Amino acid sequence: MGRYFRQRTLQSALSLFGLIVLVFFLARLTGNPADLLLPVDTPQSVRDEFSARHGFDQPMIVQFGRYLIELTQLDMGYSLRDGHPALDHVLAAFPTTLLLSFWAMLISLTIAIVTGSIAAWRPGGLFDRIASLISLAGASVPNFWIAIVGVLIFAVWYRVLPTSGTGTPLHWVLPVAVLFIRPCGVLTQVVRSSMIAALSAPYTKTARARGVRTRTVIFGHALRNAMLPVVTVAGDQAAGMINGAVIAETIFGFPGVGRLLIDSIMFRDFAVIQAAVMVTAIAIFFLNIGIDIIYAILDPRVRHG
């Protein structure tokens, strides 16, 4: 088990370094930030001074080397827009993204486990067909389409939900819905398939033959053994949910990392872009470690392998 985690940590570190390289150079291919941050009529001498002050007049490989040295000192640079540390901006916005993703994931898992388990009890039945159809539709719909339709119906037509801000619980309804519908559809299908296999196993057939209550058979006997593939897929969906928050936060004006990243890209605020991507990647790394731990708890073979 320890060897497995060491391998995962090394793989994640290499992936993170590759991501750092990719983001650094791709961001700088968009042009000089002075073109967006300075007025159009700014003299060329002022533009040159701006570029020299921030090191943009140096070769890109030199800029990257300096950036790596700063990273070893836990310095992610400063925002070009306000001069504040880039990491401070990201850490201030990250709790909103985490909370948004947490509620979306919690709702997705709850609905998927209950719906998928009940549907698996009688495969091919009316409830199973309806649940399969709805989950397939949910898994196929892109987030931006859900956001547009949600705004149109609940904010424009009926005016029961706000479209921006975070002041009240109602402000969270549409952003959470945008994030949870698609993972919920995927997870429902996975739970259903896993539960059908678990309910066909000898131990559940024995429990049913002995007259054990249906709820106990489903949620007490079969569900634990059906959770292994669900945990794996849930981890992938949770990681995608953090990335998908970019759409929800941008459309609904949520002050999270997604919106911060889009704003920084628009203004070529390189340090904030890099810090946002790095913090998100590190969060996904710890998420994957957590999923591995849960997997090991559910499957002793992983612990002793």
C-alpha atoms as a PDB file:
ATOM      1  CA  MET A   1       0.000   0.000   0.000  1.00  0.00           C
ATOM      2  CA  GLY A   2       2.805   2.403   0.900  1.00  0.00           C
ATOM      3  CA  ARG A   3       4.577   1.641  -2.357  1.00  0.00           C
ATOM      4  CA  TYR A   4       1.365   2.316  -4.268  1.00  0.00           C
ATOM      5  CA  PHE A   5       0.944   5.743  -2.667  1.00  0.00           C
ATOM      6  CA  ARG A   6       4.584   6.603  -3.357  1.00  0.00           C
ATOM      7  CA  GLN A   7       4.080   5.747  -7.013  1.00  0.00           C
ATOM      8  CA  ARG A   8       0.904   7.826  -7.180  1.00  0.00           C
ATOM      9  CA  THR A   9       2.657  10.760  -5.527  1.00  0.00           C
ATOM     10  CA  LEU A  10       5.550  10.583  -8.002  1.00  0.00           C
ATOM     11  CA  GLN A  11       3.158  10.366 -10.961  1.00  0.00           C
ATOM     12  CA  SER A  12       1.172  13.332  -9.663  1.00  0.00           C
ATOM     13  CA  ALA A  13       4.336  15.380  -9.137  1.00  0.00           C
ATOM     14  CA  LEU A  14       5.458  14.723 -12.714  1.00  0.00           C
ATOM     15  CA  SER A  15       1.993  15.570 -14.021  1.00  0.00           C
ATOM     16  CA  LEU A  16       1.970  18.784 -11.992  1.00  0.00           C
ATOM     17  CA  PHE A  17       5.349  19.813 -13.394  1.00  0.00           C
ATOM     18  CA  GLY A  18       4.147  19.121 -16.930  1.00  0.00           C
ATOM     19  CA  LEU A  19       1.057  21.215 -16.248  1.00  0.00           C
ATOM     20  CA  ILE A  20       3.192  24.062 -14.904  1.00  0.00           C
ATOM     21  CA  VAL A  21       5.291  24.054 -18.083  1.00  0.00           C
ATOM     22  CA  LEU A  22       2.244  23.902 -20.343  1.00  0.00           C
ATOM     23  CA  VAL A  23       0.312  26.677 -18.607  1.00  0.00           C
ATOM     24  CA  PHE A  24       3.337  28.959 -18.346  1.00  0.00           C
ATOM     25  CA  PHE A  25       4.138  28.901 -22.052  1.00  0.00           C
ATOM     26  CA  LEU A  26       0.548  28.790 -23.340  1.00  0.00           C
ATOM     27  CA  ALA A  27      -0.384  31.838 -21.267  1.00  0.00           C
ATOM     28  CA  ARG A  28       2.486  33.848 -22.714  1.00  0.00           C
ATOM     29  CA  LEU A  29       1.592  32.941 -26.277  1.00  0.00           C
ATOM     30  CA  THR A  30      -1.465  35.202 -25.930  1.00  0.00           C
ATOM     31  CA  GLY A  31       0.670  38.344 -26.043  1.00  0.00           C
ATOM     32  CA  ASN A  32       1.955  41.097 -23.786  1.00  0.00           C
ATOM     33  CA  PRO A  33      -0.320  41.986 -20.826  1.00  0.00           C
ATOM     34  CA  ALA A  34       0.540  45.645 -21.392  1.00  0.00           C
ATOM     35  CA  ASP A  35      -1.776  45.619 -24.414  1.00  0.00           C
ATOM     36  CA  LEU A  36      -4.767  44.993 -22.120  1.00  0.00           C
ATOM     37  CA  LEU A  37      -3.736  46.526 -18.814  1.00  0.00           C
ATOM     38  CA  LEU A  38      -2.490  49.873 -20.122  1.00  0.00           C
ATOM     39  CA  PRO A  39      -4.567  52.495 -21.955  1.00  0.00           C
ATOM     40  CA  VAL A  40      -4.460  52.441 -25.735  1.00  0.00           C
ATOM     41  CA  ASP A  41      -2.697  55.820 -25.932  1.00  0.00           C
ATOM     42  CA  THR A  42       0.065  54.822 -23.492  1.00  0.00           C
ATOM     43  CA  PRO A  43       3.492  55.883 -24.857  1.00  0.00           C
ATOM     44  CA  GLN A  44       5.767  53.108 -26.039  1.00  0.00           C
ATOM     45  CA  SER A  45       8.380  54.072 -23.460  1.00  0.00           C
ATOM     46  CA  VAL A  46       5.878  53.387 -20.666  1.00  0.00           C
ATOM     47  CA  ARG A  47       4.962  50.047 -22.235  1.00  0.00           C
ATOM     48  CA  ASP A  48       8.630  49.100 -22.438  1.00  0.00           C
ATOM     49  CA  GLU A  49       9.136  50.080 -18.797  1.00  0.00           C
ATOM     50  CA  PHE A  50       6.122  47.939 -17.797  1.00  0.00           C
ATOM     51  CA  SER A  51       7.491  44.942 -19.678  1.00  0.00           C
ATOM     52  CA  ALA A  52      10.975  45.377 -18.211  1.00  0.00           C
ATOM     53  CA  ARG A  53       9.626  45.727 -14.662  1.00  0.00           C
ATOM     54  CA  HIS A  54       7.780  42.422 -14.928  1.00  0.00           C
ATOM     55  CA  GLY A  55      10.473  40.636 -16.918  1.00  0.00           C
ATOM     56  CA  PHE A  56       8.457  40.266 -20.121  1.00  0.00           C
ATOM     57  CA  ASP A  57      11.340  41.681 -22.167  1.00  0.00           C
ATOM     58  CA  GLN A  58      13.489  38.646 -21.355  1.00  0.00           C
ATOM     59  CA  PRO A  59      13.544  35.389 -23.346  1.00  0.00           C
ATOM     60  CA  MET A  60      10.706  33.073 -22.379  1.00  0.00           C
ATOM     61  CA  ILE A  61      13.037  30.355 -21.131  1.00  0.00           C
ATOM     62  CA  VAL A  62      14.671  32.872 -18.789  1.00  0.00           C
ATOM     63  CA  GLN A  63      11.255  33.912 -17.485  1.00  0.00           C
ATOM     64  CA  PHE A  64      10.410  30.265 -16.873  1.00  0.00           C
ATOM     65  CA  GLY A  65      13.653  29.636 -14.997  1.00  0.00           C
ATOM     66  CA  ARG A  66      12.991  32.612 -12.752  1.00  0.00           C
ATOM     67  CA  TYR A  67       9.445  31.369 -12.166  1.00  0.00           C
ATOM     68  CA  LEU A  68      10.701  27.933 -11.086  1.00  0.00           C
ATOM     69  CA  ILE A  69      13.155  29.528  -8.654  1.00  0.00           C
ATOM     70  CA  GLU A  70      10.320  31.585  -7.162  1.00  0.00           C
ATOM     71  CA  LEU A  71       8.175  28.456  -6.860  1.00  0.00           C
ATOM     72  CA  THR A  72      10.843  26.749  -4.763  1.00  0.00           C
ATOM     73  CA  GLN A  73      10.426  29.684  -2.366  1.00  0.00           C
ATOM     74  CA  LEU A  74       6.605  29.230  -2.423  1.00  0.00           C
ATOM     75  CA  ASP A  75       6.312  32.517  -4.297  1.00  0.00           C
ATOM     76  CA  MET A  76       3.705  32.335  -7.068  1.00  0.00           C
ATOM     77  CA  GLY A  77       4.123  35.933  -8.116  1.00  0.00           C
ATOM     78  CA  TYR A  78       1.897  38.983  -7.970  1.00  0.00           C
ATOM     79  CA  SER A  79      -1.215  40.005  -9.836  1.00  0.00           C
ATOM     80  CA  LEU A  80      -0.540  42.446 -12.649  1.00  0.00           C
ATOM     81  CA  ARG A  81      -3.869  44.147 -12.000  1.00  0.00           C
ATOM     82  CA  ASP A  82      -3.568  45.096  -8.325  1.00  0.00           C
ATOM     83  CA  GLY A  83      -0.095  43.994  -7.212  1.00  0.00           C
ATOM     84  CA  HIS A  84      -1.400  41.595  -4.552  1.00  0.00           C
ATOM     85  CA  PRO A  85       0.064  38.074  -4.239  1.00  0.00           C
ATOM     86  CA  ALA A  86      -1.506  35.754  -6.799  1.00  0.00           C
ATOM     87  CA  LEU A  87      -1.849  32.970  -4.243  1.00  0.00           C
ATOM     88  CA  ASP A  88      -3.906  35.241  -1.974  1.00  0.00           C
ATOM     89  CA  HIS A  89      -6.412  35.803  -4.767  1.00  0.00           C
ATOM     90  CA  VAL A  90      -6.726  32.062  -5.386  1.00  0.00           C
ATOM     91  CA  LEU A  91      -7.008  31.094  -1.716  1.00  0.00           C
ATOM     92  CA  ALA A  92      -9.694  33.733  -1.201  1.00  0.00           C
ATOM     93  CA  ALA A  93     -11.755  32.332  -4.076  1.00  0.00           C
ATOM     94  CA  PHE A  94     -11.120  28.620  -3.561  1.00  0.00           C
ATOM     95  CA  PRO A  95     -13.504  28.006  -0.614  1.00  0.00           C
ATOM     96  CA  THR A  96     -16.451  29.083  -2.765  1.00  0.00           C
ATOM     97  CA  THR A  97     -15.482  26.616  -5.486  1.00  0.00           C
ATOM     98  CA  LEU A  98     -14.975  23.819  -2.950  1.00  0.00           C
ATOM     99  CA  LEU A  99     -18.329  24.477  -1.291  1.00  0.00           C
ATOM    100  CA  LEU A 100     -20.103  24.606  -4.635  1.00  0.00           C
ATOM    101  CA  SER A 101     -18.492  21.342  -5.733  1.00  0.00           C
ATOM    102  CA  PHE A 102     -19.138  19.698  -2.354  1.00  0.00           C
ATOM    103  CA  TRP A 103     -22.886  20.330  -2.416  1.00  0.00           C
ATOM    104  CA  ALA A 104     -23.145  19.276  -6.043  1.00  0.00           C
ATOM    105  CA  MET A 105     -21.240  16.036  -5.357  1.00  0.00           C
ATOM    106  CA  LEU A 106     -23.227  15.269  -2.206  1.00  0.00           C
ATOM    107  CA  ILE A 107     -26.541  15.680  -4.018  1.00  0.00           C
ATOM    108  CA  SER A 108     -25.288  13.655  -6.992  1.00  0.00           C
ATOM    109  CA  LEU A 109     -24.170  10.731  -4.843  1.00  0.00           C
ATOM    110  CA  THR A 110     -27.294  10.728  -2.690  1.00  0.00           C
ATOM    111  CA  ILE A 111     -29.694  10.703  -5.630  1.00  0.00           C
ATOM    112  CA  ALA A 112     -27.571   8.240  -7.624  1.00  0.00           C
ATOM    113  CA  ILE A 113     -27.223   5.710  -4.801  1.00  0.00           C
ATOM    114  CA  VAL A 114     -30.912   5.737  -3.910  1.00  0.00           C
ATOM    115  CA  THR A 115     -32.215   5.801  -7.486  1.00  0.00           C
ATOM    116  CA  GLY A 116     -29.702   3.317  -8.890  1.00  0.00           C
ATOM    117  CA  SER A 117     -30.250   0.871  -6.031  1.00  0.00           C
ATOM    118  CA  ILE A 118     -34.033   0.923  -6.332  1.00  0.00           C
ATOM    119  CA  ALA A 119     -33.836   0.587 -10.126  1.00  0.00           C
ATOM    120  CA  ALA A 120     -31.536  -2.431  -9.778  1.00  0.00           C
ATOM    121  CA  TRP A 121     -33.994  -4.242  -7.519  1.00  0.00           C
ATOM    122  CA  ARG A 122     -36.269  -4.966 -10.483  1.00  0.00           C
ATOM    123  CA  PRO A 123     -34.281  -4.525 -13.734  1.00  0.00           C
ATOM    124  CA  GLY A 124     -36.545  -3.802 -16.664  1.00  0.00           C
ATOM    125  CA  GLY A 125     -39.384  -2.590 -14.451  1.00  0.00           C
ATOM    126  CA  LEU A 126     -41.187   0.712 -14.867  1.00  0.00           C
ATOM    127  CA  PHE A 127     -39.062   2.566 -12.317  1.00  0.00           C
ATOM    128  CA  ASP A 128     -35.882   1.139 -13.838  1.00  0.00           C
ATOM    129  CA  ARG A 129     -36.846   2.243 -17.339  1.00  0.00           C
ATOM    130  CA  ILE A 130     -37.769   5.747 -16.197  1.00  0.00           C
ATOM    131  CA  ALA A 131     -34.617   6.110 -14.076  1.00  0.00           C
ATOM    132  CA  SER A 132     -32.408   4.806 -16.889  1.00  0.00           C
ATOM    133  CA  LEU A 133     -33.937   7.231 -19.390  1.00  0.00           C
ATOM    134  CA  ILE A 134     -33.594  10.246 -17.101  1.00  0.00           C
ATOM    135  CA  SER A 135     -30.048   9.346 -16.029  1.00  0.00           C
ATOM    136  CA  LEU A 136     -28.985   8.848 -19.643  1.00  0.00           C
ATOM    137  CA  ALA A 137     -30.395  12.256 -20.551  1.00  0.00           C
ATOM    138  CA  GLY A 138     -28.693  13.871 -17.553  1.00  0.00           C
ATOM    139  CA  ALA A 139     -25.347  12.286 -18.378  1.00  0.00           C
ATOM    140  CA  SER A 140     -25.555  13.509 -21.978  1.00  0.00           C
ATOM    141  CA  VAL A 141     -26.455  17.158 -21.377  1.00  0.00           C
ATOM    142  CA  PRO A 142     -23.551  19.665 -21.348  1.00  0.00           C
ATOM    143  CA  ASN A 143     -23.238  22.024 -18.394  1.00  0.00           C
ATOM    144  CA  PHE A 144     -23.599  25.225 -20.394  1.00  0.00           C
ATOM    145  CA  TRP A 145     -26.928  24.034 -21.837  1.00  0.00           C
ATOM    146  CA  ILE A 146     -28.250  23.269 -18.348  1.00  0.00           C
ATOM    147  CA  ALA A 147     -27.186  26.741 -17.240  1.00  0.00           C
ATOM    148  CA  ILE A 148     -28.904  28.472 -20.160  1.00  0.00           C
ATOM    149  CA  VAL A 149     -32.148  26.518 -19.770  1.00  0.00           C
ATOM    150  CA  GLY A 150     -32.096  26.982 -15.988  1.00  0.00           C
ATOM    151  CA  VAL A 151     -31.723  30.746 -16.296  1.00  0.00           C
ATOM    152  CA  LEU A 152     -34.427  30.912 -18.970  1.00  0.00           C
ATOM    153  CA  ILE A 153     -36.995  28.919 -16.986  1.00  0.00           C
ATOM    154  CA  PHE A 154     -36.370  29.831 -13.347  1.00  0.00           C
ATOM    155  CA  ALA A 155     -34.979  33.356 -13.670  1.00  0.00           C
ATOM    156  CA  VAL A 156     -36.573  34.811 -16.813  1.00  0.00           C
ATOM    157  CA  TRP A 157     -39.952  33.078 -17.128  1.00  0.00           C
ATOM    158  CA  TYR A 158     -40.923  32.379 -13.511  1.00  0.00           C
ATOM    159  CA  ARG A 159     -38.462  34.669 -11.706  1.00  0.00           C
ATOM    160  CA  VAL A 160     -38.153  32.414  -8.671  1.00  0.00           C
ATOM    161  CA  LEU A 161     -34.357  32.122  -8.603  1.00  0.00           C
ATOM    162  CA  PRO A 162     -31.623  34.781  -8.810  1.00  0.00           C
ATOM    163  CA  THR A 163     -28.971  34.558 -11.505  1.00  0.00           C
ATOM    164  CA  SER A 164     -25.951  36.026  -9.731  1.00  0.00           C
ATOM    165  CA  GLY A 165     -24.431  36.452  -6.302  1.00  0.00           C
ATOM    166  CA  THR A 166     -24.050  34.222  -3.240  1.00  0.00           C
ATOM    167  CA  GLY A 167     -26.089  36.063  -0.614  1.00  0.00           C
ATOM    168  CA  THR A 168     -28.842  33.509   0.085  1.00  0.00           C
ATOM    169  CA  PRO A 169     -29.360  29.738  -0.338  1.00  0.00           C
ATOM    170  CA  LEU A 170     -31.490  30.486  -3.410  1.00  0.00           C
ATOM    171  CA  HIS A 171     -28.415  31.926  -5.127  1.00  0.00           C
ATOM    172  CA  TRP A 172     -26.794  28.483  -4.919  1.00  0.00           C
ATOM    173  CA  VAL A 173     -29.628  26.496  -6.493  1.00  0.00           C
ATOM    174  CA  LEU A 174     -28.873  27.060 -10.182  1.00  0.00           C
ATOM    175  CA  PRO A 175     -25.050  26.802  -9.932  1.00  0.00           C
ATOM    176  CA  VAL A 176     -25.309  23.578  -7.924  1.00  0.00           C
ATOM    177  CA  ALA A 177     -27.861  22.200 -10.402  1.00  0.00           C
ATOM    178  CA  VAL A 178     -25.540  22.964 -13.309  1.00  0.00           C
ATOM    179  CA  LEU A 179     -22.789  20.964 -11.621  1.00  0.00           C
ATOM    180  CA  PHE A 180     -24.703  18.007 -10.188  1.00  0.00           C
ATOM    181  CA  ILE A 181     -27.062  16.940 -13.007  1.00  0.00           C
ATOM    182  CA  ARG A 182     -24.490  15.373 -15.313  1.00  0.00           C
ATOM    183  CA  PRO A 183     -22.473  13.513 -12.620  1.00  0.00           C
ATOM    184  CA  CYS A 184     -25.748  12.358 -11.108  1.00  0.00           C
ATOM    185  CA  GLY A 185     -26.754  10.763 -14.407  1.00  0.00           C
ATOM    186  CA  VAL A 186     -23.402   9.025 -14.800  1.00  0.00           C
ATOM    187  CA  LEU A 187     -23.306   7.792 -11.207  1.00  0.00           C
ATOM    188  CA  THR A 188     -26.891   6.526 -11.339  1.00  0.00           C
ATOM    189  CA  GLN A 189     -26.001   4.304 -14.276  1.00  0.00           C
ATOM    190  CA  VAL A 190     -22.880   3.011 -12.508  1.00  0.00           C
ATOM    191  CA  VAL A 191     -24.764   2.329  -9.265  1.00  0.00           C
ATOM    192  CA  ARG A 192     -27.511   0.507 -11.156  1.00  0.00           C
ATOM    193  CA  SER A 193     -25.069  -1.733 -13.031  1.00  0.00           C
ATOM    194  CA  SER A 194     -23.027  -2.503  -9.915  1.00  0.00           C
ATOM    195  CA  MET A 195     -26.107  -3.190  -7.812  1.00  0.00           C
ATOM    196  CA  ILE A 196     -27.567  -5.558 -10.402  1.00  0.00           C
ATOM    197  CA  ALA A 197     -24.353  -7.592 -10.193  1.00  0.00           C
ATOM    198  CA  ALA A 198     -24.308  -7.435  -6.384  1.00  0.00           C
ATOM    199  CA  LEU A 199     -27.969  -8.435  -6.070  1.00  0.00           C
ATOM    200  CA  SER A 200     -27.280 -11.448  -8.277  1.00  0.00           C
ATOM    201  CA  ALA A 201     -24.500 -12.675  -5.981  1.00  0.00           C
ATOM    202  CA  PRO A 202     -25.111 -15.778  -3.805  1.00  0.00           C
ATOM    203  CA  TYR A 203     -24.984 -13.905  -0.483  1.00  0.00           C
ATOM    204  CA  THR A 204     -27.801 -11.540  -1.475  1.00  0.00           C
ATOM    205  CA  LYS A 205     -29.878 -14.366  -2.906  1.00  0.00           C
ATOM    206  CA  THR A 206     -29.482 -16.187   0.409  1.00  0.00           C
ATOM    207  CA  ALA A 207     -30.548 -13.100   2.342  1.00  0.00           C
ATOM    208  CA  ARG A 208     -33.623 -12.675   0.155  1.00  0.00           C
ATOM    209  CA  ALA A 209     -34.505 -16.363   0.542  1.00  0.00           C
ATOM    210  CA  ARG A 210     -34.348 -16.003   4.328  1.00  0.00           C
ATOM    211  CA  GLY A 211     -36.892 -13.209   4.209  1.00  0.00           C
ATOM    212  CA  VAL A 212     -34.569 -10.326   5.028  1.00  0.00           C
ATOM    213  CA  ARG A 213     -36.237  -6.975   4.437  1.00  0.00           C
ATOM    214  CA  THR A 214     -35.742  -5.480   0.985  1.00  0.00           C
ATOM    215  CA  ARG A 215     -34.182  -2.306   2.361  1.00  0.00           C
ATOM    216  CA  THR A 216     -31.674  -4.339   4.383  1.00  0.00           C
ATOM    217  CA  VAL A 217     -30.747  -6.490   1.392  1.00  0.00           C
ATOM    218  CA  ILE A 218     -30.200  -3.464  -0.846  1.00  0.00           C
ATOM    219  CA  PHE A 219     -28.494  -1.021   1.480  1.00  0.00           C
ATOM    220  CA  GLY A 220     -27.052  -3.438   4.036  1.00  0.00           C
ATOM    221  CA  HIS A 221     -25.733  -6.336   1.967  1.00  0.00           C
ATOM    222  CA  ALA A 222     -25.422  -5.381  -1.693  1.00  0.00           C
ATOM    223  CA  LEU A 223     -24.491  -1.701  -1.589  1.00  0.00           C
ATOM    224  CA  ARG A 224     -21.120  -2.059   0.164  1.00  0.00           C
ATOM    225  CA  ASN A 225     -19.895  -4.564  -2.426  1.00  0.00           C
ATOM    226  CA  ALA A 226     -21.257  -2.445  -5.267  1.00  0.00           C
ATOM    227  CA  MET A 227     -19.470   0.718  -4.127  1.00  0.00           C
ATOM    228  CA  LEU A 228     -16.001  -0.018  -5.543  1.00  0.00           C
ATOM    229  CA  PRO A 229     -16.712   1.067  -9.141  1.00  0.00           C
ATOM    230  CA  VAL A 230     -18.944   3.849  -7.821  1.00  0.00           C
ATOM    231  CA  VAL A 231     -16.086   5.303  -5.764  1.00  0.00           C
ATOM    232  CA  THR A 232     -13.772   5.238  -8.786  1.00  0.00           C
ATOM    233  CA  VAL A 233     -16.254   7.003 -11.056  1.00  0.00           C
ATOM    234  CA  ALA A 234     -17.243   9.431  -8.284  1.00  0.00           C
ATOM    235  CA  GLY A 235     -13.608  10.502  -7.977  1.00  0.00           C
ATOM    236  CA  ASP A 236     -13.403  11.228 -11.695  1.00  0.00           C
ATOM    237  CA  GLN A 237     -16.695  13.121 -11.598  1.00  0.00           C
ATOM    238  CA  ALA A 238     -15.611  15.162  -8.573  1.00  0.00           C
ATOM    239  CA  ALA A 239     -12.390  16.190 -10.310  1.00  0.00           C
ATOM    240  CA  GLY A 240     -14.366  17.150 -13.402  1.00  0.00           C
ATOM    241  CA  MET A 241     -16.817  19.027 -11.206  1.00  0.00           C
ATOM    242  CA  ILE A 242     -14.065  21.306  -9.894  1.00  0.00           C
ATOM    243  CA  ASN A 243     -13.091  22.077 -13.479  1.00  0.00           C
ATOM    244  CA  GLY A 244     -16.743  22.446 -14.508  1.00  0.00           C
ATOM    245  CA  ALA A 245     -17.162  25.112 -11.852  1.00  0.00           C
ATOM    246  CA  VAL A 246     -15.578  27.513 -14.356  1.00  0.00           C
ATOM    247  CA  ILE A 247     -18.824  27.513 -16.357  1.00  0.00           C
ATOM    248  CA  ALA A 248     -21.157  27.813 -13.375  1.00  0.00           C
ATOM    249  CA  GLU A 249     -19.154  30.542 -11.659  1.00  0.00           C
ATOM    250  CA  THR A 250     -18.771  32.580 -14.826  1.00  0.00           C
ATOM    251  CA  ILE A 251     -22.445  32.422 -15.790  1.00  0.00           C
ATOM    252  CA  PHE A 252     -23.829  33.014 -12.286  1.00  0.00           C
ATOM    253  CA  GLY A 253     -21.231  35.480 -11.041  1.00  0.00           C
ATOM    254  CA  PHE A 254     -19.850  33.253  -8.287  1.00  0.00           C
ATOM    255  CA  PRO A 255     -16.586  34.582  -6.779  1.00  0.00           C
ATOM    256  CA  GLY A 256     -14.771  31.263  -7.125  1.00  0.00           C
ATOM    257  CA  VAL A 257     -11.578  30.064  -8.756  1.00  0.00           C
ATOM    258  CA  GLY A 258     -13.337  29.430 -12.069  1.00  0.00           C
ATOM    259  CA  ARG A 259     -14.471  33.013 -12.438  1.00  0.00           C
ATOM    260  CA  LEU A 260     -11.104  34.273 -11.188  1.00  0.00           C
ATOM    261  CA  LEU A 261      -9.363  32.164 -13.821  1.00  0.00           C
ATOM    262  CA  ILE A 262     -11.543  33.475 -16.653  1.00  0.00           C
ATOM    263  CA  ASP A 263     -11.048  37.089 -15.546  1.00  0.00           C
ATOM    264  CA  SER A 264      -7.293  36.547 -15.313  1.00  0.00           C
ATOM    265  CA  ILE A 265      -7.169  35.024 -18.785  1.00  0.00           C
ATOM    266  CA  MET A 266      -9.071  37.992 -20.188  1.00  0.00           C
ATOM    267  CA  PHE A 267      -6.479  40.384 -18.714  1.00  0.00           C
ATOM    268  CA  ARG A 268      -3.448  38.103 -19.272  1.00  0.00           C
ATOM    269  CA  ASP A 269      -2.741  38.122 -15.546  1.00  0.00           C
ATOM    270  CA  PHE A 270      -0.173  35.343 -15.834  1.00  0.00           C
ATOM    271  CA  ALA A 271       0.678  34.898 -12.155  1.00  0.00           C
ATOM    272  CA  VAL A 272      -2.958  34.461 -11.129  1.00  0.00           C
ATOM    273  CA  ILE A 273      -3.604  32.060 -14.025  1.00  0.00           C
ATOM    274  CA  GLN A 274      -0.664  29.902 -12.990  1.00  0.00           C
ATOM    275  CA  ALA A 275      -1.570  29.999  -9.297  1.00  0.00           C
ATOM    276  CA  ALA A 276      -5.205  29.087  -9.986  1.00  0.00           C
ATOM    277  CA  VAL A 277      -4.271  26.121 -12.164  1.00  0.00           C
ATOM    278  CA  MET A 278      -1.643  24.902  -9.703  1.00  0.00           C
ATOM    279  CA  VAL A 279      -3.897  25.101  -6.635  1.00  0.00           C
ATOM    280  CA  THR A 280      -6.682  23.331  -8.523  1.00  0.00           C
ATOM    281  CA  ALA A 281      -4.293  20.589  -9.634  1.00  0.00           C
ATOM    282  CA  ILE A 282      -3.044  20.107  -6.071  1.00  0.00           C
ATOM    283  CA  ALA A 283      -6.632  19.898  -4.806  1.00  0.00           C
ATOM    284  CA  ILE A 284      -7.408  17.216  -7.394  1.00  0.00           C
ATOM    285  CA  PHE A 285      -4.271  15.330  -6.313  1.00  0.00           C
ATOM    286  CA  PHE A 286      -5.450  15.207  -2.697  1.00  0.00           C
ATOM    287  CA  LEU A 287      -8.928  14.262  -3.901  1.00  0.00           C
ATOM    288  CA  ASN A 288      -7.472  11.284  -5.744  1.00  0.00           C
ATOM    289  CA  ILE A 289      -5.488  10.275  -2.656  1.00  0.00           C
ATOM    290  CA  GLY A 290      -8.704  10.400  -0.646  1.00  0.00           C
ATOM    291  CA  ILE A 291     -10.455   8.224  -3.217  1.00  0.00           C
ATOM    292  CA  ASP A 292      -7.592   5.717  -3.032  1.00  0.00           C
ATOM    293  CA  ILE A 293      -7.926   5.570   0.763  1.00  0.00           C
ATOM    294  CA  ILE A 294     -11.678   4.979   0.546  1.00  0.00           C
ATOM    295  CA  TYR A 295     -11.062   2.298  -2.071  1.00  0.00           C
ATOM    296  CA  ALA A 296      -8.571   0.595   0.252  1.00  0.00           C
ATOM    297  CA  ILE A 297     -11.086   0.667   3.101  1.00  0.00           C
ATOM    298  CA  LEU A 298     -13.772  -0.931   0.940  1.00  0.00           C
ATOM    299  CA  ASP A 299     -11.459  -3.511  -0.643  1.00  0.00           C
ATOM    300  CA  PRO A 300      -8.918  -5.187   1.702  1.00  0.00           C
ATOM    301  CA  ARG A 301      -7.065  -6.571  -1.329  1.00  0.00           C
ATOM    302  CA  VAL A 302      -5.833  -3.053  -2.088  1.00  0.00           C
ATOM    303  CA  ARG A 303      -4.473  -2.627   1.453  1.00  0.00           C
ATOM    304  CA  HIS A 304      -2.558  -5.885   1.356  1.00  0.00           C
ATOM    305  CA  GLY A 305      -1.590  -5.760  -2.317  1.00  0.00           C
END
